[in-house]
Structures are given as C-alpha cells and as structure tokens.
C-alpha atoms as a PDB file:
ATOM      1  CA  MET A   1     -19.768  44.546  46.859  1.00  0.00           C
ATOM      2  CA  LEU A   2     -16.419  44.558  45.049  1.00  0.00           C
ATOM      3  CA  GLY A   3     -15.931  43.167  41.560  1.00  0.00           C
ATOM      4  CA  PRO A   4     -12.658  42.424  39.769  1.00  0.00           C
ATOM      5  CA  GLN A   5     -12.849  45.835  38.067  1.00  0.00           C
ATOM      6  CA  ASP A   6     -12.551  47.542  41.490  1.00  0.00           C
ATOM      7  CA  PRO A   7      -8.984  48.559  42.453  1.00  0.00           C
ATOM      8  CA  GLY A   8      -9.415  47.163  45.983  1.00  0.00           C
ATOM      9  CA  PHE A   9     -10.677  43.717  44.927  1.00  0.00           C
ATOM     10  CA  TRP A  10      -7.432  41.886  45.812  1.00  0.00           C
ATOM     11  CA  ASN A  11      -6.385  44.287  48.582  1.00  0.00           C
ATOM     12  CA  PRO A  12      -7.110  42.648  51.967  1.00  0.00           C
ATOM     13  CA  ASP A  13      -7.203  46.093  53.635  1.00  0.00           C
ATOM     14  CA  VAL A  14     -10.308  47.075  51.638  1.00  0.00           C
ATOM     15  CA  PRO A  15     -13.476  45.802  53.326  1.00  0.00           C
ATOM     16  CA  GLY A  16     -16.308  44.396  51.250  1.00  0.00           C
ATOM     17  CA  THR A  17     -17.822  41.284  49.750  1.00  0.00           C
ATOM     18  CA  ARG A  18     -15.880  40.186  46.670  1.00  0.00           C
ATOM     19  CA  VAL A  19     -17.925  38.740  43.797  1.00  0.00           C
ATOM     20  CA  LEU A  20     -16.027  37.389  40.796  1.00  0.00           C
ATOM     21  CA  THR A  21     -19.136  36.532  38.757  1.00  0.00           C
ATOM     22  CA  PRO A  22     -20.275  39.256  36.350  1.00  0.00           C
ATOM     23  CA  VAL A  23     -23.577  40.691  37.558  1.00  0.00           C
ATOM     24  CA  GLU A  24     -25.938  41.862  34.833  1.00  0.00           C
ATOM     25  CA  PRO A  25     -27.973  45.055  35.187  1.00  0.00           C
ATOM     26  CA  GLY A  26     -31.134  44.250  37.146  1.00  0.00           C
ATOM     27  CA  VAL A  27     -29.522  41.386  39.053  1.00  0.00           C
ATOM     28  CA  SER A  28     -28.729  41.880  42.727  1.00  0.00           C
ATOM     29  CA  VAL A  29     -26.244  40.058  44.922  1.00  0.00           C
ATOM     30  CA  VAL A  30     -27.727  39.244  48.321  1.00  0.00           C
ATOM     31  CA  CYS A  31     -25.449  38.153  51.182  1.00  0.00           C
ATOM     32  CA  THR A  32     -25.987  37.122  54.782  1.00  0.00           C
ATOM     33  CA  SER A  33     -24.793  40.029  56.886  1.00  0.00           C
ATOM     34  CA  GLY A  34     -23.488  40.367  60.411  1.00  0.00           C
ATOM     35  CA  PHE A  35     -20.897  37.606  60.138  1.00  0.00           C
ATOM     36  CA  GLU A  36     -17.216  37.691  59.261  1.00  0.00           C
ATOM     37  CA  PRO A  37     -16.478  36.062  56.875  1.00  0.00           C
ATOM     38  CA  THR A  38     -19.815  36.195  55.058  1.00  0.00           C
ATOM     39  CA  PRO A  39     -21.378  32.697  55.193  1.00  0.00           C
ATOM     40  CA  GLY A  40     -23.693  32.917  52.172  1.00  0.00           C
ATOM     41  CA  CYS A  41     -24.406  34.906  49.002  1.00  0.00           C
ATOM     42  CA  SER A  42     -26.773  34.473  46.078  1.00  0.00           C
ATOM     43  CA  THR A  43     -27.984  36.382  43.042  1.00  0.00           C
ATOM     44  CA  LEU A  44     -31.556  37.487  42.482  1.00  0.00           C
ATOM     45  CA  ASP A  45     -32.861  38.653  39.102  1.00  0.00           C
ATOM     46  CA  MET A  46     -35.034  41.657  39.965  1.00  0.00           C
ATOM     47  CA  ARG A  47     -36.330  41.825  36.352  1.00  0.00           C
ATOM     48  CA  ASP A  48     -38.118  38.466  36.632  1.00  0.00           C
ATOM     49  CA  PRO A  49     -40.052  37.832  39.877  1.00  0.00           C
ATOM     50  CA  SER A  50     -40.442  34.132  39.012  1.00  0.00           C
ATOM     51  CA  SER A  51     -36.675  33.702  38.736  1.00  0.00           C
ATOM     52  CA  PRO A  52     -35.216  31.701  41.646  1.00  0.00           C
ATOM     53  CA  GLN A  53     -32.273  32.862  43.701  1.00  0.00           C
ATOM     54  CA  ARG A  54     -29.000  31.306  42.527  1.00  0.00           C
ATOM     55  CA  SER A  55     -26.610  30.375  45.305  1.00  0.00           C
ATOM     56  CA  LEU A  56     -23.012  31.446  44.864  1.00  0.00           C
ATOM     57  CA  VAL A  57     -20.063  29.370  46.043  1.00  0.00           C
ATOM     58  CA  PHE A  58     -16.903  30.771  47.567  1.00  0.00           C
ATOM     59  CA  VAL A  59     -13.174  30.200  47.440  1.00  0.00           C
ATOM     60  CA  ASP A  60     -10.994  31.425  50.285  1.00  0.00           C
ATOM     61  CA  VAL A  61      -7.870  32.905  48.664  1.00  0.00           C
ATOM     62  CA  PRO A  62      -4.846  32.687  50.987  1.00  0.00           C
ATOM     63  CA  VAL A  63      -3.189  35.945  52.009  1.00  0.00           C
ATOM     64  CA  ILE A  64       0.180  36.091  53.807  1.00  0.00           C
ATOM     65  CA  ALA A  65      -0.152  36.897  57.529  1.00  0.00           C
ATOM     66  CA  ARG A  66      -3.883  37.689  57.226  1.00  0.00           C
ATOM     67  CA  PRO A  67      -7.186  35.863  57.060  1.00  0.00           C
ATOM     68  CA  PRO A  68      -8.024  34.635  53.552  1.00  0.00           C
ATOM     69  CA  LEU A  69     -10.058  36.714  51.133  1.00  0.00           C
ATOM     70  CA  ARG A  70     -13.453  35.108  50.493  1.00  0.00           C
ATOM     71  CA  VAL A  71     -14.352  35.420  46.794  1.00  0.00           C
ATOM     72  CA  TRP A  72     -17.874  34.487  45.653  1.00  0.00           C
ATOM     73  CA  MET A  73     -18.740  33.135  42.184  1.00  0.00           C
ATOM     74  CA  ASP A  74     -21.518  31.440  40.245  1.00  0.00           C
ATOM     75  CA  ILE A  75     -20.269  28.150  38.827  1.00  0.00           C
ATOM     76  CA  LEU A  76     -23.498  26.185  38.457  1.00  0.00           C
ATOM     77  CA  PRO A  77     -24.691  25.708  34.878  1.00  0.00           C
ATOM     78  CA  ARG A  78     -27.873  27.513  33.967  1.00  0.00           C
ATOM     79  CA  LEU A  79     -30.548  25.304  32.445  1.00  0.00           C
ATOM     80  CA  ASP A  80     -31.247  27.786  29.644  1.00  0.00           C
ATOM     81  CA  GLU A  81     -27.675  28.487  28.477  1.00  0.00           C
ATOM     82  CA  GLY A  82     -25.246  26.831  26.085  1.00  0.00           C
ATOM     83  CA  ALA A  83     -25.392  23.127  25.251  1.00  0.00           C
ATOM     84  CA  LEU A  84     -27.471  22.424  28.357  1.00  0.00           C
ATOM     85  CA  GLY A  85     -30.006  25.014  27.176  1.00  0.00           C
ATOM     86  CA  GLN A  86     -30.212  23.330  23.765  1.00  0.00           C
ATOM     87  CA  LEU A  87     -30.820  19.958  25.419  1.00  0.00           C
ATOM     88  CA  MET A  88     -33.527  21.423  27.684  1.00  0.00           C
ATOM     89  CA  GLU A  89     -35.218  23.073  24.693  1.00  0.00           C
ATOM     90  CA  HIS A  90     -35.172  19.735  22.851  1.00  0.00           C
ATOM     91  CA  LEU A  91     -36.572  17.828  25.846  1.00  0.00           C
ATOM     92  CA  PHE A  92     -39.063  20.480  26.938  1.00  0.00           C
ATOM     93  CA  PRO A  93     -40.008  22.645  23.949  1.00  0.00           C
ATOM     94  CA  ARG A  94     -41.960  25.791  24.759  1.00  0.00           C
END
C-alpha cells in the first residue's frame, strides 16, 4: 500500500495500491487481490471487532501514454464525527 507520503505514490512505474485516506494505527486496508486494476478496497478497524468495514471509493487519475493510476479514498461521512456525530448523539444519546 502506498500513501501520499511515499515517494512513488504518483509514479506509475512503482507498483502498489495507492490509498489517499490517512490510515490510523490499528486500522488495516483490505483490497481484493489478483486483479489489475484492484476492483475493491475497504478499511477495517482491528482495535474494535464490532466496527464494520468501510468501503473505499476510487478515482482513476489519467497518466499520459499509460493506464490510469487508481487512487482509493474514504469519502463517506462517519456517523460519529463532526456535525453528523453531534446530530446522532442528540437523536440517539448513549
């Protein structure tokens, strides 16, 4: 897995799955393997077994005279974060 901090992230000659979303310690990125380009990736929080997998979406970034680079990211809002988290806490207090 390559993140934006890796020097080869935008280099099409460097093989690997590119994930733009920051991945916290204890969270794993799981991707379908054996296909090119990778058809599916998700994150799994290994610290919390009850935590569901979160599907990642991809953007194919065009590259001149080569296949596009597939970059994965998490863009879905989390129910416990930000304004949505405040609303959920108000509607469903713990």
